[in-house]
N, C-alpha and C. Protein backbone atom coordinates (compact mmCIF):
# COMPACT_ATOMS: atom_id res chain seq x y z
N MET A 1 -12.99 12.99 -2.88
CA MET A 1 -12.10 13.26 -2.25
C MET A 1 -12.14 14.88 -2.02
N THR A 2 -12.20 15.46 -0.80
CA THR A 2 -12.45 16.94 -0.83
C THR A 2 -11.13 17.58 -0.29
N ASP A 3 -9.94 16.82 -0.04
CA ASP A 3 -8.70 17.75 0.19
C ASP A 3 -7.58 17.48 -0.83
N SER A 4 -7.25 18.31 -1.34
CA SER A 4 -6.07 18.35 -2.53
C SER A 4 -5.13 17.78 -2.05
N ARG A 5 -4.87 17.85 -0.71
CA ARG A 5 -3.40 17.16 -0.06
C ARG A 5 -3.81 15.75 -0.47
N LEU A 6 -4.66 15.13 -0.08
CA LEU A 6 -5.20 13.95 -0.09
C LEU A 6 -4.99 13.27 -1.63
N PHE A 7 -5.44 13.99 -2.45
CA PHE A 7 -5.37 13.56 -4.07
C PHE A 7 -3.92 13.54 -4.42
N THR A 8 -3.26 14.56 -3.94
CA THR A 8 -1.67 14.48 -4.47
C THR A 8 -0.79 13.46 -3.61
N ALA A 9 -1.12 12.99 -2.53
CA ALA A 9 -0.48 12.03 -1.92
C ALA A 9 -0.56 10.63 -2.64
N SER A 10 -1.94 10.21 -2.86
CA SER A 10 -2.54 9.35 -3.72
C SER A 10 -1.89 9.05 -4.73
N ASN A 11 -1.80 10.16 -5.60
CA ASN A 11 -1.03 10.12 -7.01
C ASN A 11 0.40 9.89 -6.97
N TYR A 12 1.25 10.49 -5.74
CA TYR A 12 2.63 10.26 -5.76
C TYR A 12 2.71 8.43 -5.45
N ALA A 13 1.76 7.70 -4.77
CA ALA A 13 1.88 6.45 -4.68
C ALA A 13 1.75 5.86 -5.97
N VAL A 14 0.73 6.39 -6.88
CA VAL A 14 0.26 5.71 -8.32
C VAL A 14 1.81 5.89 -8.96
N ASN A 15 2.29 7.17 -8.90
CA ASN A 15 3.47 7.50 -9.45
C ASN A 15 4.69 6.69 -9.56
N ALA A 16 4.62 6.34 -8.06
CA ALA A 16 6.08 5.63 -7.63
C ALA A 16 5.86 4.11 -8.44
N LEU A 17 4.59 3.60 -8.33
CA LEU A 17 4.59 2.20 -9.13
C LEU A 17 4.71 2.55 -10.52
N HIS A 18 4.28 3.34 -11.11
CA HIS A 18 4.53 3.78 -12.77
C HIS A 18 6.13 3.84 -12.73
N TYR A 19 6.62 4.63 -12.24
CA TYR A 19 8.17 4.76 -12.09
C TYR A 19 8.90 3.52 -11.93
N GLU A 20 8.63 2.70 -11.03
CA GLU A 20 9.17 1.52 -10.61
C GLU A 20 9.27 0.51 -11.91
N VAL A 21 8.07 0.43 -12.31
CA VAL A 21 7.72 -0.64 -13.41
C VAL A 21 8.78 -0.26 -14.68
N VAL A 22 8.85 1.08 -14.88
CA VAL A 22 9.43 1.38 -16.02
C VAL A 22 11.20 1.67 -16.00
N LEU A 23 11.40 1.51 -14.82
CA LEU A 23 12.66 1.57 -14.55
C LEU A 23 13.56 0.33 -15.27
N ALA A 24 14.74 0.57 -15.98
CA ALA A 24 15.36 -0.41 -16.44
C ALA A 24 17.02 0.03 -16.55
N PRO A 25 17.66 -1.11 -16.87
CA PRO A 25 17.44 -2.61 -16.59
C PRO A 25 17.37 -2.80 -15.23
N LYS A 26 16.42 -4.05 -14.61
CA LYS A 26 16.23 -4.62 -13.61
C LYS A 26 16.47 -6.15 -13.68
N PRO A 27 17.74 -6.74 -13.58
CA PRO A 27 18.25 -7.98 -13.85
C PRO A 27 17.08 -9.07 -13.01
N GLY A 28 16.14 -9.82 -13.54
CA GLY A 28 15.25 -10.63 -12.81
C GLY A 28 14.25 -10.04 -12.59
N LEU A 29 13.83 -8.88 -12.71
CA LEU A 29 12.25 -8.14 -12.47
C LEU A 29 11.81 -7.29 -13.86
N VAL A 30 10.65 -7.43 -13.54
CA VAL A 30 9.78 -6.88 -14.94
C VAL A 30 10.09 -5.58 -15.25
N ASP A 31 10.42 -4.97 -16.35
CA ASP A 31 10.75 -3.77 -16.83
C ASP A 31 10.14 -3.99 -18.37
N PRO A 32 10.10 -2.69 -18.94
CA PRO A 32 9.45 -2.42 -20.28
C PRO A 32 10.28 -3.41 -21.17
N CYS A 33 11.33 -4.26 -20.96
CA CYS A 33 12.39 -4.75 -22.10
C CYS A 33 12.22 -6.25 -21.69
N SER A 34 12.03 -6.53 -20.52
CA SER A 34 12.12 -8.00 -20.27
C SER A 34 11.03 -8.32 -19.07
N SER A 35 10.40 -9.56 -18.94
CA SER A 35 9.79 -10.11 -17.90
C SER A 35 10.68 -10.56 -16.55
N GLY A 36 11.90 -10.37 -16.83
CA GLY A 36 12.94 -11.08 -16.16
C GLY A 36 12.73 -12.46 -15.61
N ALA A 37 12.68 -12.92 -14.36
CA ALA A 37 12.35 -14.36 -14.01
C ALA A 37 10.67 -14.35 -13.97
N HIS A 38 10.33 -13.78 -14.32
CA HIS A 38 8.59 -13.80 -14.21
C HIS A 38 7.96 -14.24 -15.60
N GLN A 39 7.77 -15.62 -15.63
CA GLN A 39 7.02 -15.69 -17.06
C GLN A 39 5.64 -15.25 -16.87
N ASP A 40 5.05 -15.23 -15.94
CA ASP A 40 3.52 -14.91 -15.92
C ASP A 40 3.22 -13.64 -15.78
N MET A 41 4.15 -12.52 -15.89
CA MET A 41 3.74 -10.99 -16.04
C MET A 41 4.96 -10.33 -16.76
N ASN A 42 4.13 -9.23 -17.22
CA ASN A 42 4.87 -8.34 -18.28
C ASN A 42 4.73 -6.81 -17.41
N VAL A 43 5.00 -6.14 -18.29
CA VAL A 43 4.89 -4.53 -17.85
C VAL A 43 3.32 -4.46 -17.96
N PHE A 44 2.94 -4.85 -18.80
CA PHE A 44 1.49 -4.44 -19.09
C PHE A 44 0.53 -4.93 -17.97
N THR A 45 1.07 -6.22 -17.43
CA THR A 45 0.56 -6.76 -16.15
C THR A 45 0.37 -5.52 -15.07
N PHE A 46 1.53 -5.22 -14.93
CA PHE A 46 1.70 -4.04 -13.94
C PHE A 46 0.97 -3.04 -14.08
N ILE A 47 0.86 -2.49 -15.34
CA ILE A 47 -0.13 -1.05 -15.68
C ILE A 47 -1.42 -1.60 -15.14
N ASN A 48 -1.97 -2.59 -15.56
CA ASN A 48 -3.27 -2.94 -15.53
C ASN A 48 -3.39 -3.02 -13.76
N SER A 49 -2.67 -3.46 -13.00
CA SER A 49 -2.82 -3.61 -11.88
C SER A 49 -2.74 -2.16 -10.85
N ILE A 50 -1.78 -1.38 -11.68
CA ILE A 50 -1.65 -0.03 -10.96
C ILE A 50 -2.92 0.86 -11.56
N THR A 51 -3.54 0.72 -12.26
CA THR A 51 -4.58 1.45 -12.80
C THR A 51 -5.74 0.78 -11.89
N CYS A 52 -5.82 -0.38 -11.54
CA CYS A 52 -7.12 -0.65 -10.65
C CYS A 52 -6.83 -0.54 -9.18
N LEU A 53 -5.50 -0.39 -8.94
CA LEU A 53 -5.17 -0.05 -7.59
C LEU A 53 -5.63 1.63 -7.12
N ALA A 54 -5.31 2.41 -8.05
CA ALA A 54 -5.35 3.97 -8.07
C ALA A 54 -6.36 4.34 -7.24
N PRO A 55 -7.72 4.24 -7.55
CA PRO A 55 -8.68 4.49 -6.64
C PRO A 55 -8.75 3.96 -5.05
N PHE A 56 -8.11 2.79 -5.00
CA PHE A 56 -7.98 2.17 -3.46
C PHE A 56 -6.96 3.15 -2.60
N PHE A 57 -5.81 3.81 -3.38
CA PHE A 57 -5.00 4.45 -2.86
C PHE A 57 -5.59 6.01 -2.11
N GLN A 58 -6.80 6.30 -3.00
CA GLN A 58 -7.27 7.50 -2.43
C GLN A 58 -8.11 7.23 -1.49
N ARG A 59 -8.82 6.11 -1.37
CA ARG A 59 -9.73 5.58 -0.20
C ARG A 59 -8.71 5.33 0.92
N TYR A 60 -7.53 4.93 0.96
CA TYR A 60 -6.99 4.83 2.03
C TYR A 60 -6.36 6.31 2.73
N SER A 61 -6.16 7.28 2.12
CA SER A 61 -5.79 8.56 2.65
C SER A 61 -7.15 9.16 3.36
N GLN A 62 -8.26 8.93 2.35
CA GLN A 62 -9.63 9.54 3.01
C GLN A 62 -9.76 8.84 4.12
N ALA A 63 -9.83 7.77 4.39
CA ALA A 63 -9.94 6.74 5.51
C ALA A 63 -9.23 7.51 6.69
N GLY A 64 -7.75 7.58 6.70
CA GLY A 64 -7.15 8.18 7.48
C GLY A 64 -7.62 9.72 7.81
N PHE A 65 -7.82 10.42 6.90
CA PHE A 65 -8.23 12.14 7.05
C PHE A 65 -9.60 11.91 7.86
N ALA A 66 -10.30 11.06 7.48
CA ALA A 66 -11.72 10.92 8.32
C ALA A 66 -11.83 10.29 9.44
N HIS A 67 -10.93 9.48 9.80
CA HIS A 67 -10.79 8.69 10.78
C HIS A 67 -10.74 9.32 12.46
N THR A 68 -11.74 8.65 13.32
CA THR A 68 -11.56 9.36 14.61
C THR A 68 -11.54 8.76 15.97
N GLY A 69 -11.16 7.43 15.38
CA GLY A 69 -11.04 6.20 16.34
C GLY A 69 -9.69 6.11 16.97
N SER A 70 -9.34 4.85 17.38
CA SER A 70 -7.93 4.49 17.73
C SER A 70 -7.23 4.08 16.38
N LEU A 71 -5.79 3.96 16.30
CA LEU A 71 -5.11 3.48 15.55
C LEU A 71 -5.33 2.02 15.04
N ILE A 72 -5.48 1.33 15.94
CA ILE A 72 -5.87 -0.17 15.63
C ILE A 72 -7.19 -0.17 14.81
N GLN A 73 -7.94 0.64 15.23
CA GLN A 73 -9.51 0.74 14.42
C GLN A 73 -8.99 1.12 13.01
N LEU A 74 -8.21 2.03 12.66
CA LEU A 74 -8.17 2.70 11.59
C LEU A 74 -7.31 1.53 10.91
N PHE A 75 -6.51 0.91 11.43
CA PHE A 75 -5.85 -0.17 10.79
C PHE A 75 -6.72 -1.36 10.21
N ASP A 76 -7.60 -1.75 11.09
CA ASP A 76 -8.67 -2.60 10.63
C ASP A 76 -9.45 -2.05 9.46
N GLN A 77 -9.67 -0.82 9.49
CA GLN A 77 -10.36 -0.06 8.29
C GLN A 77 -9.45 -0.08 6.86
N LEU A 78 -8.34 0.18 7.11
CA LEU A 78 -7.39 0.26 5.89
C LEU A 78 -7.45 -1.50 5.52
N ARG A 79 -7.32 -2.22 6.51
CA ARG A 79 -6.89 -3.45 6.08
C ARG A 79 -8.22 -4.13 5.27
N GLY A 80 -9.45 -3.48 5.53
CA GLY A 80 -10.75 -4.15 4.84
C GLY A 80 -10.62 -3.33 3.48
N ILE A 81 -10.35 -2.20 3.30
CA ILE A 81 -9.74 -1.60 2.08
C ILE A 81 -8.99 -2.22 1.21
N GLY A 82 -7.77 -2.60 1.88
CA GLY A 82 -6.75 -3.43 1.26
C GLY A 82 -7.46 -4.79 0.98
N GLN A 83 -8.13 -5.42 1.38
CA GLN A 83 -8.50 -6.66 0.86
C GLN A 83 -9.35 -6.43 -0.44
N GLU A 84 -10.12 -5.62 -0.40
CA GLU A 84 -10.91 -4.83 -1.96
C GLU A 84 -9.96 -4.76 -2.68
N ALA A 85 -8.95 -4.29 -2.56
CA ALA A 85 -7.82 -3.65 -3.41
C ALA A 85 -7.33 -4.73 -3.97
N GLU A 86 -6.95 -5.80 -3.17
CA GLU A 86 -6.27 -7.03 -3.46
C GLU A 86 -7.23 -7.90 -4.48
N GLU A 87 -8.17 -7.96 -4.15
CA GLU A 87 -9.18 -8.60 -5.04
C GLU A 87 -9.42 -8.14 -6.41
N ALA A 88 -9.31 -6.90 -6.31
CA ALA A 88 -9.56 -6.20 -7.64
C ALA A 88 -8.22 -6.26 -8.70
N MET A 89 -6.91 -6.32 -7.70
CA MET A 89 -5.77 -6.23 -8.52
C MET A 89 -5.86 -7.72 -9.26
N LEU A 90 -6.30 -8.83 -8.30
CA LEU A 90 -5.95 -9.94 -8.89
C LEU A 90 -6.84 -10.52 -9.82
N GLN A 91 -8.14 -9.75 -10.11
CA GLN A 91 -8.98 -9.73 -11.01
C GLN A 91 -8.61 -9.17 -12.39
N ALA A 92 -7.89 -7.85 -11.85
CA ALA A 92 -7.33 -7.24 -13.40
C ALA A 92 -6.15 -7.72 -13.73
N THR A 93 -5.23 -8.80 -13.03
CA THR A 93 -4.08 -9.28 -13.50
C THR A 93 -4.34 -10.88 -13.63
N LYS A 94 -5.64 -11.25 -13.90
CA LYS A 94 -5.85 -12.59 -14.04
C LYS A 94 -5.02 -13.72 -13.07
N GLY A 95 -5.42 -13.25 -11.58
CA GLY A 95 -4.76 -13.86 -10.51
C GLY A 95 -3.11 -13.70 -10.19
N ILE A 96 -2.57 -12.64 -10.76
CA ILE A 96 -1.15 -12.64 -10.64
C ILE A 96 -0.68 -11.49 -9.52
N ASN A 97 -0.01 -11.92 -8.78
CA ASN A 97 0.22 -11.00 -7.63
C ASN A 97 1.35 -10.14 -7.65
N THR A 98 1.05 -8.89 -8.32
CA THR A 98 2.03 -7.95 -8.90
C THR A 98 2.26 -6.95 -7.68
N HIS A 99 1.25 -6.51 -6.98
CA HIS A 99 1.54 -5.27 -5.92
C HIS A 99 1.05 -5.75 -4.52
N LYS A 100 0.95 -7.25 -4.45
CA LYS A 100 0.49 -7.01 -2.94
C LYS A 100 1.18 -6.38 -1.79
N GLY A 101 2.23 -6.45 -1.73
CA GLY A 101 3.11 -5.76 -0.68
C GLY A 101 3.21 -4.19 -0.88
N ALA A 102 2.94 -3.65 -1.84
CA ALA A 102 2.86 -2.22 -2.21
C ALA A 102 1.75 -1.86 -1.75
N ASN A 103 0.69 -2.38 -2.16
CA ASN A 103 -0.83 -2.44 -1.77
C ASN A 103 -0.79 -2.27 -0.07
N PHE A 104 -0.34 -3.09 0.53
CA PHE A 104 -0.07 -3.02 2.01
C PHE A 104 0.70 -1.83 2.46
N SER A 105 1.72 -1.67 1.80
CA SER A 105 2.37 -0.66 2.46
C SER A 105 1.95 0.87 2.00
N PHE A 106 1.30 1.19 0.73
CA PHE A 106 0.85 2.25 0.87
C PHE A 106 -0.87 2.62 1.52
N ALA A 107 -1.42 1.39 1.92
CA ALA A 107 -2.40 1.50 2.70
C ALA A 107 -1.83 2.07 4.07
N ILE A 108 -1.10 1.54 4.79
CA ILE A 108 -0.60 2.13 5.94
C ILE A 108 -0.15 3.73 5.83
N LEU A 109 0.92 3.81 4.83
CA LEU A 109 1.14 5.07 4.83
C LEU A 109 0.47 6.06 4.27
N LEU A 110 -0.29 5.85 3.26
CA LEU A 110 -1.46 6.66 2.81
C LEU A 110 -2.55 6.76 4.13
N GLY A 111 -2.77 5.89 4.81
CA GLY A 111 -3.69 6.18 5.87
C GLY A 111 -3.06 7.21 7.01
N ALA A 112 -1.81 6.81 7.10
CA ALA A 112 -1.20 7.74 8.28
C ALA A 112 -0.94 9.29 7.63
N THR A 113 -0.73 9.32 6.42
CA THR A 113 -0.87 10.73 5.74
C THR A 113 -2.07 11.41 5.93
N GLY A 114 -2.96 10.88 5.74
CA GLY A 114 -4.59 11.25 5.97
C GLY A 114 -4.56 11.52 7.56
N VAL A 115 -4.52 10.86 8.41
CA VAL A 115 -4.24 11.45 9.75
C VAL A 115 -3.67 12.37 10.00
N TYR A 116 -2.21 12.65 9.58
CA TYR A 116 -1.47 13.82 9.55
C TYR A 116 -2.24 15.18 9.19
N TYR A 117 -2.92 14.91 7.94
CA TYR A 117 -3.23 16.23 7.56
C TYR A 117 -4.58 16.35 7.91
N GLN A 118 -5.37 15.45 8.70
CA GLN A 118 -6.36 15.92 9.48
C GLN A 118 -5.86 16.87 10.97
N GLN A 119 -4.67 16.47 11.24
CA GLN A 119 -4.22 16.79 12.35
C GLN A 119 -3.54 18.30 12.48
N ASN A 120 -3.17 18.44 11.18
CA ASN A 120 -2.41 19.76 10.73
C ASN A 120 -2.71 20.31 9.32
N GLY A 121 -2.74 21.65 9.44
CA GLY A 121 -3.23 22.05 8.08
C GLY A 121 -2.29 22.72 7.15
N LYS A 122 -1.03 21.98 7.19
CA LYS A 122 -0.03 22.25 6.61
C LYS A 122 -0.15 21.96 4.97
N ALA A 123 0.10 22.75 4.19
CA ALA A 123 0.01 22.45 2.43
C ALA A 123 1.13 22.02 2.28
N LYS A 124 2.40 21.96 2.81
CA LYS A 124 3.75 21.66 2.16
C LYS A 124 4.41 20.63 3.18
N LEU A 125 4.95 19.49 3.07
CA LEU A 125 5.41 18.91 4.18
C LEU A 125 6.90 19.12 4.34
N THR A 126 7.51 19.23 5.33
CA THR A 126 8.91 19.43 5.77
C THR A 126 9.57 17.77 5.94
N ALA A 127 10.84 17.72 5.88
CA ALA A 127 11.23 16.66 6.63
C ALA A 127 10.78 16.00 7.84
N GLU A 128 10.73 16.76 8.64
CA GLU A 128 10.20 16.51 10.03
C GLU A 128 8.75 16.05 10.12
N ASP A 129 7.95 16.56 8.83
CA ASP A 129 6.30 16.24 8.79
C ASP A 129 6.69 14.79 8.31
N THR A 130 7.26 14.61 7.49
CA THR A 130 7.70 13.28 6.81
C THR A 130 7.96 12.28 7.87
N ASN A 131 8.92 12.47 8.99
CA ASN A 131 9.24 11.77 10.28
C ASN A 131 8.14 11.58 11.07
N GLN A 132 7.17 12.39 10.87
CA GLN A 132 5.82 12.15 11.93
C GLN A 132 5.01 11.05 11.21
N ILE A 133 4.80 11.24 10.04
CA ILE A 133 3.98 10.64 9.21
C ILE A 133 4.38 8.98 9.32
N LEU A 134 5.77 8.81 9.21
CA LEU A 134 6.67 7.39 9.30
C LEU A 134 6.30 6.91 10.79
N GLN A 135 6.06 7.80 11.73
CA GLN A 135 5.75 7.39 13.24
C GLN A 135 4.58 6.99 13.41
N LEU A 136 3.48 7.60 12.57
CA LEU A 136 2.40 7.49 12.53
C LEU A 136 1.83 5.88 12.04
N ALA A 137 2.79 5.85 10.62
CA ALA A 137 2.43 4.33 10.23
C ALA A 137 3.18 3.52 11.04
N ALA A 138 4.23 3.77 11.48
CA ALA A 138 4.70 2.73 12.72
C ALA A 138 3.54 2.26 13.81
N ASP A 139 2.86 3.37 14.13
CA ASP A 139 2.09 3.26 15.39
C ASP A 139 0.81 2.59 15.01
N ILE A 140 0.28 2.65 13.48
CA ILE A 140 -0.72 2.02 13.40
C ILE A 140 -0.60 0.38 13.09
N CYS A 141 0.79 0.26 12.71
CA CYS A 141 1.23 -1.42 12.65
C CYS A 141 1.43 -2.08 14.03
N GLN A 142 1.89 -1.30 15.09
CA GLN A 142 2.75 -1.85 16.05
C GLN A 142 1.99 -2.92 16.63
N HIS A 143 1.06 -3.29 16.76
CA HIS A 143 0.00 -4.53 17.23
C HIS A 143 0.21 -5.61 16.29
N LEU A 144 0.65 -5.58 15.05
CA LEU A 144 0.72 -6.58 14.15
C LEU A 144 1.67 -7.86 14.47
N VAL A 145 2.76 -7.54 14.84
CA VAL A 145 3.86 -8.91 15.31
C VAL A 145 2.92 -9.60 16.38
N LYS A 146 2.26 -8.96 17.17
CA LYS A 146 1.73 -9.72 18.33
C LYS A 146 0.32 -10.29 17.96
N GLN A 147 -0.49 -9.62 17.37
CA GLN A 147 -1.63 -10.14 17.02
C GLN A 147 -1.61 -11.08 15.84
N ASP A 148 -0.84 -10.74 14.77
CA ASP A 148 -1.23 -11.76 13.60
C ASP A 148 0.00 -12.82 13.77
N LEU A 149 1.07 -12.60 13.84
CA LEU A 149 2.35 -13.63 13.82
C LEU A 149 2.11 -14.38 14.94
N GLN A 150 1.45 -14.16 16.21
CA GLN A 150 1.52 -15.10 17.45
C GLN A 150 0.55 -16.65 16.89
N GLN A 151 -0.32 -16.38 16.04
CA GLN A 151 -1.04 -17.56 15.69
C GLN A 151 -0.36 -18.52 14.60
N ILE A 152 0.84 -18.16 14.17
CA ILE A 152 1.63 -18.97 13.14
C ILE A 152 1.68 -20.24 13.30
N THR A 153 1.78 -20.75 14.41
CA THR A 153 2.01 -22.52 14.64
C THR A 153 0.32 -23.21 14.71
N HIS A 154 -0.77 -22.18 14.54
CA HIS A 154 -1.97 -22.66 14.48
C HIS A 154 -2.47 -22.86 12.95
N ASN A 155 -1.52 -22.49 11.99
CA ASN A 155 -2.10 -21.85 10.59
C ASN A 155 -1.43 -23.05 9.63
N ASP A 156 -2.09 -23.85 9.09
CA ASP A 156 -1.74 -24.87 8.26
C ASP A 156 -0.86 -24.19 6.93
N GLN A 157 -1.61 -23.16 6.32
CA GLN A 157 -1.19 -22.70 4.97
C GLN A 157 -0.28 -21.04 5.45
N LEU A 158 0.93 -21.19 5.45
CA LEU A 158 1.69 -20.12 5.90
C LEU A 158 2.19 -19.64 4.50
N SER A 159 2.38 -18.01 4.57
CA SER A 159 2.94 -17.50 3.80
C SER A 159 4.23 -17.30 3.47
N TYR A 160 4.79 -16.85 2.75
CA TYR A 160 6.29 -16.86 2.60
C TYR A 160 7.00 -16.40 3.80
N GLY A 161 6.23 -15.15 4.15
CA GLY A 161 7.04 -14.17 5.40
C GLY A 161 6.72 -14.84 6.61
N GLU A 162 5.51 -15.62 6.66
CA GLU A 162 5.39 -16.44 7.98
C GLU A 162 6.20 -17.51 8.05
N LYS A 163 6.81 -18.08 7.03
CA LYS A 163 7.64 -19.19 7.00
C LYS A 163 9.06 -19.11 7.26
N ILE A 164 9.37 -17.72 7.10
CA ILE A 164 10.90 -17.43 7.75
C ILE A 164 10.85 -16.68 9.32
N ILE A 165 9.56 -16.61 9.74
CA ILE A 165 9.93 -16.06 10.91
C ILE A 165 10.32 -17.05 12.05
């Protein structure tokens, strides 16, 4: 990773996951004092997951920073990295889904941050810069509902998210 801003953004994502898991009490959720309603995981499962996802967070921001094609092409690239990250997470956690949603969200946000840094030489971000990054993230995902969810009726094995659509 050549740009220190990308390294910093990736570290913010890692730190956010660490801060979330040690926040306590969280009734029903995993924290250092309890596994909550989750019999299959504990704080160490989350730490293992975070550790294995960290290098992928760096890859997301680097992918955005280096990208020159369309935002849909960037999404496809981020999705590929994300699938590798999910496999690594499941291996590190012995098949337990600790951060699938966070992995997806950070892929989009860090990819958008990389694109923004590529286009802007700013060292520090303002609130307006953050709003522009969030708009880039929305633009990266805008095709998802039409492309991915259109085929729900053709899929026998629906995710929990697909079932509520």
